[in-house]
C-alpha cells in the first residue's frame, strides 16, 4: 500500500504543478490552449488529490501514524512541492 501511496503522491504533486503552470504561464500567452488544458489537468488533479487523501486515511491505521504526522501528510497535498517533501521525509526507504 505504501508503494501505491508514493506513486499517487508523485502524480498528485506533478499534476498540481502542471495546473499551476497552466494557470500562471499559459493563460496569458495562449488563452485558447489554457481552456483546452484546464479541464483535463484539473480533473486529473482532483482525482489524484482524492486518492492521496483516501490512501493517507488507509495508511494512517496501517502505519499507526500519530495525529501530527497524519495532518502534516494531508496538509502537504495543498502546498506546491509538499508531496515531494513528504515522500522524501517519510517514505524514502519504503
Protein backbone atom coordinates (compact mmCIF):
# COMPACT_ATOMS: atom_id res chain seq x y z
CA UNK A 1 0.00 0.00 0.00
CA UNK A 2 2.91 2.36 0.72
CA UNK A 3 4.24 1.95 -2.81
CA UNK A 4 0.85 2.89 -4.27
CA UNK A 5 0.73 5.92 -1.98
CA UNK A 6 4.17 7.02 -3.18
CA UNK A 7 3.09 6.78 -6.82
CA UNK A 8 -0.16 8.68 -6.19
CA UNK A 9 1.75 11.33 -4.20
CA UNK A 10 4.20 11.81 -7.06
CA UNK A 11 1.44 12.05 -9.67
CA UNK A 12 -0.60 14.39 -7.46
CA UNK A 13 2.39 16.69 -6.99
CA UNK A 14 3.15 16.75 -10.72
CA UNK A 15 -0.50 17.42 -11.61
CA UNK A 16 -0.58 20.27 -9.06
CA UNK A 17 2.48 21.87 -10.65
CA UNK A 18 1.04 21.39 -14.14
CA UNK A 19 -2.20 23.02 -13.05
CA UNK A 20 -0.33 26.00 -11.59
CA UNK A 21 1.91 26.39 -14.61
CA UNK A 22 -1.15 26.25 -16.86
CA UNK A 23 -2.82 28.95 -14.78
CA UNK A 24 0.22 31.20 -14.44
CA UNK A 25 2.05 30.98 -17.75
CA UNK A 26 -0.20 29.61 -20.46
CA UNK A 27 -3.29 31.63 -19.52
CA UNK A 28 -1.79 34.95 -20.55
CA UNK A 29 0.27 33.75 -23.51
CA UNK A 30 -2.21 31.41 -25.16
CA UNK A 31 -5.79 31.63 -23.80
CA UNK A 32 -7.11 29.02 -26.23
CA UNK A 33 -4.59 26.42 -25.07
CA UNK A 34 -5.35 27.38 -21.46
CA UNK A 35 -9.03 26.48 -21.84
CA UNK A 36 -8.14 23.29 -23.70
CA UNK A 37 -5.83 22.08 -20.92
CA UNK A 38 -7.70 23.34 -17.86
CA UNK A 39 -10.38 20.65 -17.67
CA UNK A 40 -8.24 17.51 -18.19
CA UNK A 41 -5.44 18.70 -15.92
CA UNK A 42 -7.90 19.92 -13.29
CA UNK A 43 -9.89 16.68 -13.39
CA UNK A 44 -6.76 14.54 -13.13
CA UNK A 45 -5.50 16.61 -10.23
CA UNK A 46 -8.85 16.36 -8.43
CA UNK A 47 -8.98 12.58 -8.77
CA UNK A 48 -5.34 12.23 -7.66
CA UNK A 49 -5.94 14.58 -4.70
CA UNK A 50 -8.89 12.49 -3.51
CA UNK A 51 -6.85 9.32 -3.98
CA UNK A 52 -3.99 10.81 -1.98
CA UNK A 53 -6.27 11.72 0.94
CA UNK A 54 -8.09 8.35 0.89
CA UNK A 55 -4.80 6.46 0.82
CA UNK A 56 -3.48 8.64 3.67
CA UNK A 57 -6.51 7.65 5.77
CA UNK A 58 -5.96 3.99 4.91
CA UNK A 59 -2.25 4.15 5.72
CA UNK A 60 -2.88 6.01 8.96
CA UNK A 61 -4.18 2.91 10.69
CA UNK A 62 -1.86 0.53 8.86
CA UNK A 63 1.29 2.51 9.68
CA UNK A 64 0.00 3.73 13.09
CA UNK A 65 0.67 7.41 12.38
CA UNK A 66 0.11 9.90 15.18
CA UNK A 67 -2.17 12.90 14.58
CA UNK A 68 0.69 15.32 13.89
CA UNK A 69 2.24 13.15 11.20
CA UNK A 70 -1.14 12.46 9.59
CA UNK A 71 -2.07 16.16 9.48
CA UNK A 72 1.35 17.03 8.05
CA UNK A 73 0.99 14.42 5.32
CA UNK A 74 -2.53 15.60 4.42
CA UNK A 75 -1.59 19.29 4.52
CA UNK A 76 1.31 18.65 2.14
CA UNK A 77 -1.17 17.90 -0.62
CA UNK A 78 -2.26 21.55 -0.79
CA UNK A 79 1.24 23.03 -0.80
CA UNK A 80 3.27 23.13 -4.02
CA UNK A 81 6.11 20.59 -3.78
CA UNK A 82 4.58 19.36 -0.49
CA UNK A 83 4.03 15.79 -1.63
CA UNK A 84 7.66 15.57 -2.80
CA UNK A 85 8.82 16.74 0.64
CA UNK A 86 6.64 14.18 2.42
CA UNK A 87 7.87 11.40 0.15
CA UNK A 88 11.46 12.29 0.94
CA UNK A 89 10.85 12.74 4.67
CA UNK A 90 8.67 9.72 5.49
CA UNK A 91 8.79 7.30 2.58
CA UNK A 92 12.39 7.43 1.42
CA UNK A 93 13.09 3.79 2.25
CA UNK A 94 9.60 2.39 1.64
